[in-house]
Amino acid sequence: MKLSRRIEDQILLLKIKHGDQEAFAIIYDKYVDALFRFVVFRVRSEEIAQDITSELFLKIWQHITTSPTNVENLRAFLYQMARNLVADHYRTTQETLPLEEAIEVEGSGAKD
């Protein structure tokens, strides 16, 4: 059964590579719920997970239709892209203190 899923995915990928939006819709319907759960588990926010999942499918379309390389395992590719977007989210939303505040916070414990 796994082999048939992979073959079906490869056929859909080939169609998407040639701009077939219906094939992309099939991939979307097939994987969107699982990928959303995967992302929401990692970011703990349904709103943020919706944004990341939307961006994920946009990037998937762009990659498949423009990249000269072929995706060998669609499921693995989708989850790797999802992991990368979650990492990007945390990288860009990491809170940092301005240097002056960081020095004050660090120095405040020494005065006691």
Protein backbone atom coordinates (compact mmCIF):
# COMPACT_ATOMS: atom_id res chain seq x y z
CA MET A 1 0.00 0.00 0.00
CA LYS A 2 2.88 2.39 0.74
CA LEU A 3 4.27 1.82 -2.72
CA SER A 4 0.98 2.74 -4.36
CA ARG A 5 0.77 5.96 -2.31
CA ARG A 6 4.29 6.91 -3.38
CA ILE A 7 3.52 6.12 -7.01
CA GLU A 8 0.33 8.18 -6.82
CA ASP A 9 2.30 11.05 -5.25
CA GLN A 10 4.93 10.85 -8.01
CA ILE A 11 2.25 11.05 -10.70
CA LEU A 12 0.69 14.06 -8.96
CA LEU A 13 4.11 15.71 -8.62
CA LEU A 14 4.75 15.28 -12.32
CA LYS A 15 1.40 16.90 -13.10
CA ILE A 16 2.09 19.76 -10.68
CA LYS A 17 5.51 20.28 -12.29
CA HIS A 18 3.57 21.04 -15.49
CA GLY A 19 1.28 23.50 -13.70
CA ASP A 20 -1.70 21.22 -12.98
CA GLN A 21 -3.63 22.99 -10.22
CA GLU A 22 -6.09 20.11 -9.79
CA ALA A 23 -3.20 17.77 -8.95
CA PHE A 24 -1.97 20.34 -6.43
CA ALA A 25 -5.47 20.49 -4.89
CA ILE A 26 -5.36 16.71 -4.44
CA ILE A 27 -1.99 16.95 -2.66
CA TYR A 28 -3.34 19.80 -0.54
CA ASP A 29 -6.47 17.87 0.47
CA LYS A 30 -4.44 14.76 1.17
CA TYR A 31 -1.86 16.37 3.47
CA VAL A 32 -3.16 19.70 4.83
CA ASP A 33 -4.81 18.38 8.01
CA ALA A 34 -1.84 16.28 9.09
CA LEU A 35 0.63 19.08 8.34
CA PHE A 36 -1.51 21.60 10.22
CA ARG A 37 -1.57 19.32 13.29
CA PHE A 38 2.20 18.84 12.96
CA VAL A 39 2.76 22.61 12.92
CA VAL A 40 0.22 23.51 15.63
CA PHE A 41 1.83 20.96 17.97
CA ARG A 42 5.14 22.78 17.55
CA VAL A 43 4.01 26.41 17.71
CA ARG A 44 1.11 25.98 20.17
CA SER A 45 -1.06 28.48 18.31
CA GLU A 46 -3.71 27.62 15.74
CA GLU A 47 -3.51 31.10 14.22
CA ILE A 48 0.25 30.92 13.71
CA ALA A 49 -0.06 27.33 12.48
CA GLN A 50 -2.60 28.42 9.87
CA ASP A 51 -0.20 31.09 8.62
CA ILE A 52 2.71 28.67 8.49
CA THR A 53 0.64 25.99 6.77
CA SER A 54 -0.54 28.48 4.14
CA GLU A 55 3.02 29.61 3.53
CA LEU A 56 4.09 25.98 3.37
CA PHE A 57 1.76 25.15 0.50
CA LEU A 58 2.74 28.30 -1.35
CA LYS A 59 6.41 27.33 -1.07
CA ILE A 60 5.61 23.77 -2.13
CA TRP A 61 3.92 25.01 -5.30
CA GLN A 62 6.82 27.36 -6.04
CA HIS A 63 9.44 24.68 -5.44
CA ILE A 64 7.77 21.95 -7.46
CA THR A 65 6.95 24.18 -10.43
CA THR A 66 10.31 25.97 -10.61
CA SER A 67 12.99 23.64 -9.22
CA PRO A 68 14.91 21.49 -11.68
CA THR A 69 15.29 18.76 -9.03
CA ASN A 70 12.62 16.14 -8.48
CA VAL A 71 11.05 15.35 -5.12
CA GLU A 72 11.64 11.65 -4.42
CA ASN A 73 9.47 11.24 -1.31
CA LEU A 74 6.65 13.79 -1.15
CA ARG A 75 5.63 13.08 2.43
CA ALA A 76 9.20 13.47 3.73
CA PHE A 77 9.62 16.62 1.63
CA LEU A 78 6.42 18.18 3.03
CA TYR A 79 7.34 17.51 6.65
CA GLN A 80 10.91 18.76 6.16
CA MET A 81 9.58 21.99 4.68
CA ALA A 82 7.14 22.30 7.59
CA ARG A 83 9.99 21.82 10.10
CA ASN A 84 12.04 24.47 8.30
CA LEU A 85 9.17 26.99 8.38
CA VAL A 86 8.59 26.34 12.10
CA ALA A 87 12.31 26.93 12.71
CA ASP A 88 12.13 30.13 10.63
CA HIS A 89 9.15 31.25 12.71
CA TYR A 90 11.05 30.81 15.97
CA ARG A 91 14.18 32.37 14.54
CA THR A 92 12.32 35.53 13.49
CA THR A 93 10.14 35.86 16.59
CA GLN A 94 12.82 35.26 19.18
CA GLU A 95 12.63 37.99 21.77
CA THR A 96 15.86 39.84 22.36
CA LEU A 97 16.64 42.52 24.89
CA PRO A 98 18.43 45.68 23.86
CA LEU A 99 22.01 45.59 25.14
CA GLU A 100 21.37 48.24 27.82
CA GLU A 101 18.42 46.30 29.27
CA ALA A 102 20.38 43.05 29.20
CA ILE A 103 23.19 44.67 31.19
CA GLU A 104 20.68 46.04 33.75
CA VAL A 105 19.03 42.65 34.16
CA GLU A 106 22.37 40.92 34.55
CA GLY A 107 23.67 43.52 36.99
CA SER A 108 20.52 43.66 39.15
CA GLY A 109 21.31 40.35 40.87
CA ALA A 110 24.78 41.50 41.94
CA LYS A 111 23.47 44.42 44.04
CA ASP A 112 21.63 42.20 46.55
